[in-house]
Structure formats: structure tokens, C-alpha cells
Amino acid sequence: MAAVQNKPTAWARFTKYLREVRSELRKVSWPNRKELITYTIVVVVTAVGVAIFSGLVDVLATGALNLLRRLGG
């Protein structure tokens, strides 16, 4: 009969996971304050740009559909 292998406990697996996460986080190249501010501005400007573009497309599509509805019916 095959020997039963001892499976690590849930606590052992959890602590191993946390050690590995900590190890990986040490490898991360974190941005400095200037880079963080620059990246934040880029994200905010991009989000605002996408929101404006989406809003314009929505307004134009709504107008076009309303025009078609009035012409067709």
C-alpha cells in the first residue's frame, strides 16, 4: 500500500503564501513621489478624456436615433 503523504496544514500553506508575497513585493520597483504624481495626472486626464469622448458619442448617437425616429414615423 502506498504511504500517505503528510499534506501541509492550511495555516502552513497560508504562512508560506504570505512569505512568498512579501518576497515578491521586495522585487517591485516602486515609483518615487514625482513619478507617482505624474502617473496619477496621466490616469486622471485619460479618464476625463475617455468620459468626454463617450459622452459625445452618446449625445451624437441619441441625436441620430431621434432624427431617424422622427423621419420614419
PDB file of N, CA and C in Angstrom:
ATOM      1  N   MET A   1       0.846  -1.174   0.000  1.00  0.00           N
ATOM      2  CA  MET A   1       0.000   0.000   0.000  1.00  0.00           C
ATOM      3  C   MET A   1       0.891   1.236   0.000  1.00  0.00           C
ATOM      4  N   ALA A   2       0.520   2.240  -0.736  1.00  0.00           N
ATOM      5  CA  ALA A   2       1.324   3.465  -0.835  1.00  0.00           C
ATOM      6  C   ALA A   2       1.250   4.240   0.475  1.00  0.00           C
ATOM      7  N   ALA A   3       2.379   4.838   0.811  1.00  0.00           N
ATOM      8  CA  ALA A   3       2.431   5.628   2.045  1.00  0.00           C
ATOM      9  C   ALA A   3       1.649   6.927   1.854  1.00  0.00           C
ATOM     10  N   VAL A   4       0.922   7.295   2.881  1.00  0.00           N
ATOM     11  CA  VAL A   4       0.137   8.525   2.831  1.00  0.00           C
ATOM     12  C   VAL A   4       1.073   9.694   3.093  1.00  0.00           C
ATOM     13  N   GLN A   5       1.088  10.661   2.183  1.00  0.00           N
ATOM     14  CA  GLN A   5       1.945  11.829   2.357  1.00  0.00           C
ATOM     15  C   GLN A   5       1.270  12.812   3.293  1.00  0.00           C
ATOM     16  N   ASN A   6       2.071  13.429   4.127  1.00  0.00           N
ATOM     17  CA  ASN A   6       1.530  14.442   5.025  1.00  0.00           C
ATOM     18  C   ASN A   6       1.310  15.734   4.245  1.00  0.00           C
ATOM     19  N   LYS A   7       0.064  16.149   4.164  1.00  0.00           N
ATOM     20  CA  LYS A   7      -0.247  17.407   3.497  1.00  0.00           C
ATOM     21  C   LYS A   7      -0.020  18.536   4.493  1.00  0.00           C
ATOM     22  N   PRO A   8       0.550  19.658   4.023  1.00  0.00           N
ATOM     23  CA  PRO A   8       0.719  20.780   4.943  1.00  0.00           C
ATOM     24  C   PRO A   8      -0.645  21.302   5.397  1.00  0.00           C
ATOM     25  N   THR A   9      -0.675  21.791   6.600  1.00  0.00           N
ATOM     26  CA  THR A   9      -1.927  22.319   7.134  1.00  0.00           C
ATOM     27  C   THR A   9      -2.287  23.609   6.420  1.00  0.00           C
ATOM     28  N   ALA A  10      -3.514  24.031   6.596  1.00  0.00           N
ATOM     29  CA  ALA A  10      -3.969  25.280   5.976  1.00  0.00           C
ATOM     30  C   ALA A  10      -3.133  26.444   6.499  1.00  0.00           C
ATOM     31  N   TRP A  11      -2.815  26.416   7.803  1.00  0.00           N
ATOM     32  CA  TRP A  11      -2.014  27.501   8.379  1.00  0.00           C
ATOM     33  C   TRP A  11      -0.609  27.532   7.770  1.00  0.00           C
ATOM     34  N   ALA A  12      -0.008  26.376   7.551  1.00  0.00           N
ATOM     35  CA  ALA A  12       1.330  26.312   6.956  1.00  0.00           C
ATOM     36  C   ALA A  12       1.304  26.838   5.523  1.00  0.00           C
ATOM     37  N   ARG A  13       0.270  26.457   4.774  1.00  0.00           N
ATOM     38  CA  ARG A  13       0.155  26.957   3.394  1.00  0.00           C
ATOM     39  C   ARG A  13      -0.052  28.466   3.382  1.00  0.00           C
ATOM     40  N   PHE A  14      -0.865  28.968   4.318  1.00  0.00           N
ATOM     41  CA  PHE A  14      -1.135  30.403   4.386  1.00  0.00           C
ATOM     42  C   PHE A  14       0.130  31.183   4.731  1.00  0.00           C
ATOM     43  N   THR A  15       0.893  30.716   5.711  1.00  0.00           N
ATOM     44  CA  THR A  15       2.114  31.437   6.088  1.00  0.00           C
ATOM     45  C   THR A  15       3.153  31.372   4.967  1.00  0.00           C
ATOM     46  N   LYS A  16       3.215  30.259   4.255  1.00  0.00           N
ATOM     47  CA  LYS A  16       4.127  30.155   3.109  1.00  0.00           C
ATOM     48  C   LYS A  16       3.718  31.163   2.036  1.00  0.00           C
ATOM     49  N   TYR A  17       2.422  31.244   1.791  1.00  0.00           N
ATOM     50  CA  TYR A  17       1.902  32.205   0.816  1.00  0.00           C
ATOM     51  C   TYR A  17       2.305  33.627   1.201  1.00  0.00           C
ATOM     52  N   LEU A  18       2.131  33.991   2.464  1.00  0.00           N
ATOM     53  CA  LEU A  18       2.484  35.343   2.908  1.00  0.00           C
ATOM     54  C   LEU A  18       3.979  35.614   2.764  1.00  0.00           C
ATOM     55  N   ARG A  19       4.824  34.626   3.064  1.00  0.00           N
ATOM     56  CA  ARG A  19       6.270  34.793   2.893  1.00  0.00           C
ATOM     57  C   ARG A  19       6.612  35.018   1.426  1.00  0.00           C
ATOM     58  N   GLU A  20       5.956  34.268   0.531  1.00  0.00           N
ATOM     59  CA  GLU A  20       6.222  34.422  -0.900  1.00  0.00           C
ATOM     60  C   GLU A  20       5.737  35.769  -1.419  1.00  0.00           C
ATOM     61  N   VAL A  21       4.593  36.229  -0.925  1.00  0.00           N
ATOM     62  CA  VAL A  21       4.085  37.541  -1.320  1.00  0.00           C
ATOM     63  C   VAL A  21       5.069  38.628  -0.892  1.00  0.00           C
ATOM     64  N   ARG A  22       5.529  38.541   0.347  1.00  0.00           N
ATOM     65  CA  ARG A  22       6.484  39.526   0.855  1.00  0.00           C
ATOM     66  C   ARG A  22       7.760  39.521   0.019  1.00  0.00           C
ATOM     67  N   SER A  23       8.226  38.340  -0.344  1.00  0.00           N
ATOM     68  CA  SER A  23       9.425  38.217  -1.160  1.00  0.00           C
ATOM     69  C   SER A  23       9.229  38.873  -2.528  1.00  0.00           C
ATOM     70  N   GLU A  24       8.076  38.645  -3.141  1.00  0.00           N
ATOM     71  CA  GLU A  24       7.806  39.235  -4.456  1.00  0.00           C
ATOM     72  C   GLU A  24       7.657  40.758  -4.364  1.00  0.00           C
ATOM     73  N   LEU A  25       7.030  41.247  -3.303  1.00  0.00           N
ATOM     74  CA  LEU A  25       6.850  42.691  -3.155  1.00  0.00           C
ATOM     75  C   LEU A  25       8.185  43.409  -2.986  1.00  0.00           C
ATOM     76  N   ARG A  26       9.180  42.735  -2.452  1.00  0.00           N
ATOM     77  CA  ARG A  26      10.506  43.345  -2.328  1.00  0.00           C
ATOM     78  C   ARG A  26      11.160  43.535  -3.690  1.00  0.00           C
ATOM     79  N   LYS A  27      10.743  42.757  -4.679  1.00  0.00           N
ATOM     80  CA  LYS A  27      11.308  42.847  -6.022  1.00  0.00           C
ATOM     81  C   LYS A  27      10.675  43.968  -6.850  1.00  0.00           C
ATOM     82  N   VAL A  28       9.552  44.506  -6.385  1.00  0.00           N
ATOM     83  CA  VAL A  28       8.815  45.516  -7.140  1.00  0.00           C
ATOM     84  C   VAL A  28       9.593  46.825  -7.157  1.00  0.00           C
ATOM     85  N   SER A  29       9.612  47.462  -8.305  1.00  0.00           N
ATOM     86  CA  SER A  29      10.230  48.779  -8.425  1.00  0.00           C
ATOM     87  C   SER A  29       9.141  49.819  -8.182  1.00  0.00           C
ATOM     88  N   TRP A  30       9.095  50.353  -6.961  1.00  0.00           N
ATOM     89  CA  TRP A  30       8.055  51.291  -6.586  1.00  0.00           C
ATOM     90  C   TRP A  30       8.370  52.671  -7.121  1.00  0.00           C
ATOM     91  N   PRO A  31       7.371  53.436  -7.593  1.00  0.00           N
ATOM     92  CA  PRO A  31       7.626  54.789  -8.109  1.00  0.00           C
ATOM     93  C   PRO A  31       7.948  55.752  -6.967  1.00  0.00           C
ATOM     94  N   ASN A  32       8.779  56.750  -7.300  1.00  0.00           N
ATOM     95  CA  ASN A  32       9.031  57.797  -6.308  1.00  0.00           C
ATOM     96  C   ASN A  32       7.878  58.796  -6.357  1.00  0.00           C
ATOM     97  N   ARG A  33       7.934  59.808  -5.513  1.00  0.00           N
ATOM     98  CA  ARG A  33       6.816  60.751  -5.395  1.00  0.00           C
ATOM     99  C   ARG A  33       6.536  61.468  -6.716  1.00  0.00           C
ATOM    100  N   LYS A  34       7.582  61.914  -7.407  1.00  0.00           N
ATOM    101  CA  LYS A  34       7.399  62.646  -8.676  1.00  0.00           C
ATOM    102  C   LYS A  34       6.754  61.740  -9.731  1.00  0.00           C
ATOM    103  N   GLU A  35       7.233  60.506  -9.835  1.00  0.00           N
ATOM    104  CA  GLU A  35       6.648  59.571 -10.799  1.00  0.00           C
ATOM    105  C   GLU A  35       5.190  59.274 -10.454  1.00  0.00           C
ATOM    106  N   LEU A  36       4.910  59.105  -9.174  1.00  0.00           N
ATOM    107  CA  LEU A  36       3.546  58.810  -8.739  1.00  0.00           C
ATOM    108  C   LEU A  36       2.595  59.944  -9.109  1.00  0.00           C
ATOM    109  N   ILE A  37       3.015  61.182  -8.887  1.00  0.00           N
ATOM    110  CA  ILE A  37       2.181  62.341  -9.241  1.00  0.00           C
ATOM    111  C   ILE A  37       1.974  62.394 -10.754  1.00  0.00           C
ATOM    112  N   THR A  38       3.052  62.167 -11.514  1.00  0.00           N
ATOM    113  CA  THR A  38       2.948  62.189 -12.977  1.00  0.00           C
ATOM    114  C   THR A  38       1.989  61.112 -13.468  1.00  0.00           C
ATOM    115  N   TYR A  39       2.137  59.899 -12.960  1.00  0.00           N
ATOM    116  CA  TYR A  39       1.267  58.799 -13.387  1.00  0.00           C
ATOM    117  C   TYR A  39      -0.186  59.060 -13.002  1.00  0.00           C
ATOM    118  N   THR A  40      -0.389  59.632 -11.832  1.00  0.00           N
ATOM    119  CA  THR A  40      -1.754  59.941 -11.391  1.00  0.00           C
ATOM    120  C   THR A  40      -2.394  60.963 -12.314  1.00  0.00           C
ATOM    121  N   ILE A  41      -1.645  61.988 -12.680  1.00  0.00           N
ATOM    122  CA  ILE A  41      -2.168  63.013 -13.597  1.00  0.00           C
ATOM    123  C   ILE A  41      -2.503  62.388 -14.948  1.00  0.00           C
ATOM    124  N   VAL A  42      -1.636  61.519 -15.440  1.00  0.00           N
ATOM    125  CA  VAL A  42      -1.891  60.854 -16.720  1.00  0.00           C
ATOM    126  C   VAL A  42      -3.186  60.036 -16.645  1.00  0.00           C
ATOM    127  N   VAL A  43      -3.384  59.305 -15.564  1.00  0.00           N
ATOM    128  CA  VAL A  43      -4.589  58.475 -15.420  1.00  0.00           C
ATOM    129  C   VAL A  43      -5.832  59.355 -15.344  1.00  0.00           C
ATOM    130  N   VAL A  44      -5.787  60.436 -14.564  1.00  0.00           N
ATOM    131  CA  VAL A  44      -6.959  61.312 -14.413  1.00  0.00           C
ATOM    132  C   VAL A  44      -7.295  61.977 -15.750  1.00  0.00           C
ATOM    133  N   VAL A  45      -6.278  62.497 -16.442  1.00  0.00           N
ATOM    134  CA  VAL A  45      -6.517  63.155 -17.741  1.00  0.00           C
ATOM    135  C   VAL A  45      -7.077  62.151 -18.748  1.00  0.00           C
ATOM    136  N   THR A  46      -6.528  60.944 -18.759  1.00  0.00           N
ATOM    137  CA  THR A  46      -7.026  59.915 -19.673  1.00  0.00           C
ATOM    138  C   THR A  46      -8.474  59.551 -19.349  1.00  0.00           C
ATOM    139  N   ALA A  47      -8.794  59.386 -18.071  1.00  0.00           N
ATOM    140  CA  ALA A  47     -10.161  59.047 -17.675  1.00  0.00           C
ATOM    141  C   ALA A  47     -11.134  60.155 -18.067  1.00  0.00           C
ATOM    142  N   VAL A  48     -10.747  61.406 -17.854  1.00  0.00           N
ATOM    143  CA  VAL A  48     -11.610  62.528 -18.236  1.00  0.00           C
ATOM    144  C   VAL A  48     -11.787  62.562 -19.755  1.00  0.00           C
ATOM    145  N   GLY A  49     -10.698  62.334 -20.487  1.00  0.00           N
ATOM    146  CA  GLY A  49     -10.779  62.309 -21.950  1.00  0.00           C
ATOM    147  C   GLY A  49     -11.710  61.224 -22.459  1.00  0.00           C
ATOM    148  N   VAL A  50     -11.603  60.037 -21.894  1.00  0.00           N
ATOM    149  CA  VAL A  50     -12.479  58.931 -22.301  1.00  0.00           C
ATOM    150  C   VAL A  50     -13.932  59.240 -21.938  1.00  0.00           C
ATOM    151  N   ALA A  51     -14.145  59.853 -20.780  1.00  0.00           N
ATOM    152  CA  ALA A  51     -15.509  60.205 -20.364  1.00  0.00           C
ATOM    153  C   ALA A  51     -16.112  61.235 -21.319  1.00  0.00           C
ATOM    154  N   ILE A  52     -15.333  62.237 -21.694  1.00  0.00           N
ATOM    155  CA  ILE A  52     -15.829  63.261 -22.630  1.00  0.00           C
ATOM    156  C   ILE A  52     -16.128  62.629 -23.986  1.00  0.00           C
ATOM    157  N   PHE A  53     -15.210  61.788 -24.461  1.00  0.00           N
ATOM    158  CA  PHE A  53     -15.421  61.128 -25.748  1.00  0.00           C
ATOM    159  C   PHE A  53     -16.680  60.260 -25.710  1.00  0.00           C
ATOM    160  N   SER A  54     -16.835  59.467 -24.650  1.00  0.00           N
ATOM    161  CA  SER A  54     -18.016  58.600 -24.522  1.00  0.00           C
ATOM    162  C   SER A  54     -19.292  59.433 -24.456  1.00  0.00           C
ATOM    163  N   GLY A  55     -19.244  60.545 -23.741  1.00  0.00           N
ATOM    164  CA  GLY A  55     -20.409  61.426 -23.654  1.00  0.00           C
ATOM    165  C   GLY A  55     -20.783  62.005 -25.004  1.00  0.00           C
ATOM    166  N   LEU A  56     -19.784  62.443 -25.767  1.00  0.00           N
ATOM    167  CA  LEU A  56     -20.057  62.989 -27.100  1.00  0.00           C
ATOM    168  C   LEU A  56     -20.640  61.932 -28.026  1.00  0.00           C
ATOM    169  N   VAL A  57     -20.088  60.732 -27.991  1.00  0.00           N
ATOM    170  CA  VAL A  57     -20.624  59.657 -28.827  1.00  0.00           C
ATOM    171  C   VAL A  57     -22.068  59.354 -28.428  1.00  0.00           C
ATOM    172  N   ASP A  58     -22.343  59.353 -27.131  1.00  0.00           N
ATOM    173  CA  ASP A  58     -23.701  59.101 -26.651  1.00  0.00           C
ATOM    174  C   ASP A  58     -24.663  60.179 -27.138  1.00  0.00           C
ATOM    175  N   VAL A  59     -24.254  61.438 -27.012  1.00  0.00           N
ATOM    176  CA  VAL A  59     -25.122  62.547 -27.449  1.00  0.00           C
ATOM    177  C   VAL A  59     -25.364  62.479 -28.950  1.00  0.00           C
ATOM    178  N   LEU A  60     -24.310  62.220 -29.726  1.00  0.00           N
ATOM    179  CA  LEU A  60     -24.462  62.135 -31.184  1.00  0.00           C
ATOM    180  C   LEU A  60     -25.335  60.944 -31.584  1.00  0.00           C
ATOM    181  N   ALA A  61     -25.125  59.790 -30.942  1.00  0.00           N
ATOM    182  CA  ALA A  61     -25.930  58.614 -31.278  1.00  0.00           C
ATOM    183  C   ALA A  61     -27.389  58.836 -30.901  1.00  0.00           C
ATOM    184  N   THR A  62     -27.627  59.450 -29.745  1.00  0.00           N
ATOM    185  CA  THR A  62     -29.003  59.739 -29.330  1.00  0.00           C
ATOM    186  C   THR A  62     -29.674  60.701 -30.311  1.00  0.00           C
ATOM    187  N   GLY A  63     -28.945  61.729 -30.709  1.00  0.00           N
ATOM    188  CA  GLY A  63     -29.488  62.680 -31.680  1.00  0.00           C
ATOM    189  C   GLY A  63     -29.795  62.023 -33.008  1.00  0.00           C
ATOM    190  N   ALA A  64     -28.882  61.175 -33.473  1.00  0.00           N
ATOM    191  CA  ALA A  64     -29.097  60.492 -34.750  1.00  0.00           C
ATOM    192  C   ALA A  64     -30.302  59.557 -34.670  1.00  0.00           C
ATOM    193  N   LEU A  65     -30.445  58.838 -33.573  1.00  0.00           N
ATOM    194  CA  LEU A  65     -31.583  57.927 -33.440  1.00  0.00           C
ATOM    195  C   LEU A  65     -32.897  58.697 -33.320  1.00  0.00           C
ATOM    196  N   ASN A  66     -32.884  59.820 -32.612  1.00  0.00           N
ATOM    197  CA  ASN A  66     -34.093  60.641 -32.520  1.00  0.00           C
ATOM    198  C   ASN A  66     -34.475  61.208 -33.886  1.00  0.00           C
ATOM    199  N   LEU A  67     -33.489  61.626 -34.666  1.00  0.00           N
ATOM    200  CA  LEU A  67     -33.744  62.125 -36.022  1.00  0.00           C
ATOM    201  C   LEU A  67     -34.348  61.033 -36.887  1.00  0.00           C
ATOM    202  N   LEU A  68     -33.777  59.841 -36.821  1.00  0.00           N
ATOM    203  CA  LEU A  68     -34.320  58.728 -37.605  1.00  0.00           C
ATOM    204  C   LEU A  68     -35.740  58.373 -37.178  1.00  0.00           C
ATOM    205  N   ARG A  69     -36.002  58.448 -35.895  1.00  0.00           N
ATOM    206  CA  ARG A  69     -37.350  58.142 -35.393  1.00  0.00           C
ATOM    207  C   ARG A  69     -38.356  59.157 -35.923  1.00  0.00           C
ATOM    208  N   ARG A  70     -37.972  60.453 -35.901  1.00  0.00           N
ATOM    209  CA  ARG A  70     -38.881  61.487 -36.407  1.00  0.00           C
ATOM    210  C   ARG A  70     -39.105  61.370 -37.901  1.00  0.00           C
ATOM    211  N   LEU A  71     -38.057  60.999 -38.643  1.00  0.00           N
ATOM    212  CA  LEU A  71     -38.183  60.857 -40.098  1.00  0.00           C
ATOM    213  C   LEU A  71     -39.001  59.627 -40.470  1.00  0.00           C
ATOM    214  N   GLY A  72     -38.893  58.589 -39.686  1.00  0.00           N
ATOM    215  CA  GLY A  72     -39.552  57.331 -40.041  1.00  0.00           C
ATOM    216  C   GLY A  72     -40.985  57.222 -39.547  1.00  0.00           C
ATOM    217  N   GLY A  73     -41.353  58.050 -38.610  1.00  0.00           N
ATOM    218  CA  GLY A  73     -42.631  57.716 -38.079  1.00  0.00           C
ATOM    219  C   GLY A  73     -43.617  58.771 -37.952  1.00  0.00           C
TER     220      GLY A  73
END
